[in-house]
């Protein structure tokens, strides 16, 4: 069993759960200058990170987890 769960929310964001506790949230974004799509990861502690894909955003959140 994987201790990390990625749950898709009704608003199309994602919640990351680690061993039953919320680690943070991920949402799709679009950069204004380049128009590229990406993901913003926000931890439950208020830290913010950015990634190019969903898996990388999940890894960013796990790196913020303490």
C-alpha atoms as a PDB file:
ATOM      1  CA  UNK A   1       0.000   0.000   0.000  1.00  0.00           C
ATOM      2  CA  UNK A   2       1.298   3.416  -0.978  1.00  0.00           C
ATOM      3  CA  UNK A   3       1.391   5.858   1.970  1.00  0.00           C
ATOM      4  CA  UNK A   4       0.869   8.823  -0.404  1.00  0.00           C
ATOM      5  CA  UNK A   5      -2.624   9.425  -1.773  1.00  0.00           C
ATOM      6  CA  UNK A   6      -3.577  11.979  -4.408  1.00  0.00           C
ATOM      7  CA  UNK A   7      -7.269  12.888  -4.256  1.00  0.00           C
ATOM      8  CA  UNK A   8      -8.951  14.924  -6.998  1.00  0.00           C
ATOM      9  CA  UNK A   9     -11.337  17.530  -5.571  1.00  0.00           C
ATOM     10  CA  UNK A  10     -14.562  18.864  -7.090  1.00  0.00           C
ATOM     11  CA  UNK A  11     -12.870  22.171  -7.989  1.00  0.00           C
ATOM     12  CA  UNK A  12     -10.273  20.203 -10.045  1.00  0.00           C
ATOM     13  CA  UNK A  13      -7.526  20.776  -7.480  1.00  0.00           C
ATOM     14  CA  UNK A  14      -5.802  17.890  -5.707  1.00  0.00           C
ATOM     15  CA  UNK A  15      -5.234  17.058  -2.050  1.00  0.00           C
ATOM     16  CA  UNK A  16      -2.101  15.129  -1.078  1.00  0.00           C
ATOM     17  CA  UNK A  17      -2.472  12.776   1.897  1.00  0.00           C
ATOM     18  CA  UNK A  18       0.512  11.110   3.598  1.00  0.00           C
ATOM     19  CA  UNK A  19      -0.271   8.334   6.081  1.00  0.00           C
ATOM     20  CA  UNK A  20      -3.792   9.721   6.546  1.00  0.00           C
ATOM     21  CA  UNK A  21      -2.766  13.360   7.130  1.00  0.00           C
ATOM     22  CA  UNK A  22      -3.103  16.252   4.682  1.00  0.00           C
ATOM     23  CA  UNK A  23       0.225  17.473   3.382  1.00  0.00           C
ATOM     24  CA  UNK A  24      -1.072  20.144   1.010  1.00  0.00           C
ATOM     25  CA  UNK A  25      -2.920  21.014  -2.150  1.00  0.00           C
ATOM     26  CA  UNK A  26      -2.094  21.183  -5.858  1.00  0.00           C
ATOM     27  CA  UNK A  27      -3.812  23.293  -8.529  1.00  0.00           C
ATOM     28  CA  UNK A  28      -3.246  23.777 -12.254  1.00  0.00           C
ATOM     29  CA  UNK A  29      -1.931  27.184 -13.309  1.00  0.00           C
ATOM     30  CA  UNK A  30      -0.968  28.982 -16.497  1.00  0.00           C
ATOM     31  CA  UNK A  31       2.030  31.304 -16.556  1.00  0.00           C
ATOM     32  CA  UNK A  32       1.106  34.760 -17.860  1.00  0.00           C
ATOM     33  CA  UNK A  33       4.285  35.518 -19.801  1.00  0.00           C
ATOM     34  CA  UNK A  34       4.888  32.180 -21.505  1.00  0.00           C
ATOM     35  CA  UNK A  35       1.328  30.756 -21.440  1.00  0.00           C
ATOM     36  CA  UNK A  36       2.800  27.390 -20.340  1.00  0.00           C
ATOM     37  CA  UNK A  37       0.769  25.267 -17.987  1.00  0.00           C
ATOM     38  CA  UNK A  38       2.122  24.173 -14.651  1.00  0.00           C
ATOM     39  CA  UNK A  39       1.112  23.298 -11.117  1.00  0.00           C
ATOM     40  CA  UNK A  40       1.184  25.249  -7.858  1.00  0.00           C
ATOM     41  CA  UNK A  41       1.694  23.260  -4.669  1.00  0.00           C
ATOM     42  CA  UNK A  42       0.710  24.789  -1.318  1.00  0.00           C
ATOM     43  CA  UNK A  43       1.575  23.001   1.907  1.00  0.00           C
ATOM     44  CA  UNK A  44      -0.625  23.005   4.998  1.00  0.00           C
ATOM     45  CA  UNK A  45       2.049  25.275   6.533  1.00  0.00           C
ATOM     46  CA  UNK A  46       1.643  27.904   3.796  1.00  0.00           C
ATOM     47  CA  UNK A  47       4.771  27.135   1.776  1.00  0.00           C
ATOM     48  CA  UNK A  48       4.349  27.522  -1.994  1.00  0.00           C
ATOM     49  CA  UNK A  49       6.134  25.660  -4.757  1.00  0.00           C
ATOM     50  CA  UNK A  50       5.767  25.274  -8.520  1.00  0.00           C
ATOM     51  CA  UNK A  51       6.218  22.316 -10.857  1.00  0.00           C
ATOM     52  CA  UNK A  52       5.796  21.368 -14.505  1.00  0.00           C
ATOM     53  CA  UNK A  53       3.664  18.266 -13.899  1.00  0.00           C
ATOM     54  CA  UNK A  54       1.453  16.701 -11.250  1.00  0.00           C
ATOM     55  CA  UNK A  55       4.009  14.144 -10.029  1.00  0.00           C
ATOM     56  CA  UNK A  56       6.667  16.817  -9.590  1.00  0.00           C
ATOM     57  CA  UNK A  57       4.178  18.991  -7.675  1.00  0.00           C
ATOM     58  CA  UNK A  58       3.442  16.047  -5.389  1.00  0.00           C
ATOM     59  CA  UNK A  59       7.186  15.583  -4.835  1.00  0.00           C
ATOM     60  CA  UNK A  60       7.555  19.301  -4.052  1.00  0.00           C
ATOM     61  CA  UNK A  61       4.881  18.960  -1.363  1.00  0.00           C
ATOM     62  CA  UNK A  62       6.518  15.877   0.109  1.00  0.00           C
ATOM     63  CA  UNK A  63       9.797  17.810   0.258  1.00  0.00           C
ATOM     64  CA  UNK A  64       8.066  20.564   2.220  1.00  0.00           C
ATOM     65  CA  UNK A  65       6.513  18.088   4.659  1.00  0.00           C
ATOM     66  CA  UNK A  66       7.884  18.190   8.222  1.00  0.00           C
END
